[in-house]
Amino acid sequence: MRFSVAVLGAMVVVVVVVVVVVVMVLIKVGVDGCG
């Protein structure tokens, strides 16, 4: 059972979005905490 390119691409997009959201939240919390 091999992943299709579409499934692989979708997974990559989801991972990237999650990472970006987490980083933005951490930066916002850090700025709010320090500022």
N, C-alpha and C. Protein backbone atom coordinates (compact mmCIF):
# COMPACT_ATOMS: atom_id res chain seq x y z
N MET A 1 0.86 -1.20 0.00
CA MET A 1 0.00 0.00 0.00
C MET A 1 0.89 1.24 0.00
N ARG A 2 0.87 1.98 -1.10
CA ARG A 2 1.74 3.15 -1.17
C ARG A 2 0.88 4.41 -1.20
N PHE A 3 1.43 5.47 -0.61
CA PHE A 3 0.71 6.73 -0.58
C PHE A 3 0.75 7.38 -1.95
N SER A 4 -0.36 7.95 -2.34
CA SER A 4 -0.38 8.70 -3.59
C SER A 4 0.26 10.06 -3.36
N VAL A 5 0.62 10.72 -4.44
CA VAL A 5 1.26 12.03 -4.32
C VAL A 5 0.30 13.02 -3.68
N ALA A 6 -0.99 12.91 -3.97
CA ALA A 6 -1.97 13.83 -3.41
C ALA A 6 -2.04 13.69 -1.89
N VAL A 7 -2.06 12.45 -1.41
CA VAL A 7 -2.12 12.22 0.04
C VAL A 7 -0.86 12.75 0.70
N LEU A 8 0.29 12.45 0.09
CA LEU A 8 1.55 12.91 0.64
C LEU A 8 1.61 14.43 0.68
N GLY A 9 1.18 15.07 -0.40
CA GLY A 9 1.17 16.54 -0.45
C GLY A 9 0.24 17.12 0.60
N ALA A 10 -0.93 16.51 0.77
CA ALA A 10 -1.88 17.00 1.77
C ALA A 10 -1.29 16.89 3.17
N MET A 11 -0.62 15.77 3.45
CA MET A 11 -0.01 15.59 4.76
C MET A 11 1.06 16.64 5.01
N VAL A 12 1.88 16.91 3.99
CA VAL A 12 2.93 17.92 4.14
C VAL A 12 2.32 19.28 4.42
N VAL A 13 1.26 19.62 3.69
CA VAL A 13 0.60 20.92 3.89
C VAL A 13 0.06 21.02 5.30
N VAL A 14 -0.58 19.97 5.78
CA VAL A 14 -1.14 19.97 7.13
C VAL A 14 -0.05 20.17 8.17
N VAL A 15 1.06 19.44 8.01
CA VAL A 15 2.16 19.56 8.97
C VAL A 15 2.72 20.97 8.98
N VAL A 16 2.92 21.55 7.79
CA VAL A 16 3.47 22.90 7.69
C VAL A 16 2.53 23.90 8.37
N VAL A 17 1.24 23.77 8.11
CA VAL A 17 0.26 24.70 8.71
C VAL A 17 0.28 24.59 10.23
N VAL A 18 0.32 23.37 10.74
CA VAL A 18 0.34 23.16 12.19
C VAL A 18 1.59 23.79 12.80
N VAL A 19 2.74 23.58 12.17
CA VAL A 19 3.99 24.14 12.68
C VAL A 19 3.93 25.66 12.69
N VAL A 20 3.43 26.25 11.61
CA VAL A 20 3.35 27.72 11.52
C VAL A 20 2.43 28.26 12.61
N VAL A 21 1.29 27.61 12.82
CA VAL A 21 0.34 28.07 13.84
C VAL A 21 0.97 27.98 15.23
N VAL A 22 1.65 26.87 15.52
CA VAL A 22 2.28 26.69 16.83
C VAL A 22 3.34 27.76 17.05
N VAL A 23 4.16 28.02 16.03
CA VAL A 23 5.22 29.03 16.16
C VAL A 23 4.60 30.40 16.40
N MET A 24 3.54 30.73 15.67
CA MET A 24 2.89 32.04 15.84
C MET A 24 2.32 32.17 17.24
N VAL A 25 1.72 31.11 17.76
CA VAL A 25 1.15 31.14 19.11
C VAL A 25 2.26 31.33 20.14
N LEU A 26 3.36 30.59 19.98
CA LEU A 26 4.47 30.71 20.93
C LEU A 26 5.04 32.12 20.90
N ILE A 27 5.20 32.70 19.71
CA ILE A 27 5.73 34.06 19.60
C ILE A 27 4.77 35.04 20.27
N LYS A 28 3.46 34.86 20.02
CA LYS A 28 2.47 35.76 20.61
C LYS A 28 2.49 35.66 22.13
N VAL A 29 2.57 34.45 22.65
CA VAL A 29 2.62 34.25 24.10
C VAL A 29 3.89 34.86 24.67
N GLY A 30 5.01 34.66 23.97
CA GLY A 30 6.28 35.21 24.44
C GLY A 30 6.25 36.72 24.46
N VAL A 31 5.71 37.33 23.40
CA VAL A 31 5.65 38.79 23.32
C VAL A 31 4.71 39.32 24.40
N ASP A 32 3.55 38.68 24.58
CA ASP A 32 2.60 39.13 25.59
C ASP A 32 3.20 38.96 26.99
N GLY A 33 3.95 37.88 27.19
CA GLY A 33 4.53 37.63 28.51
C GLY A 33 5.66 38.59 28.83
N CYS A 34 6.48 38.93 27.82
CA CYS A 34 7.63 39.80 28.06
C CYS A 34 7.24 41.27 27.98
N GLY A 35 6.26 41.59 27.14
CA GLY A 35 5.92 42.98 26.91
C GLY A 35 4.98 43.52 27.95
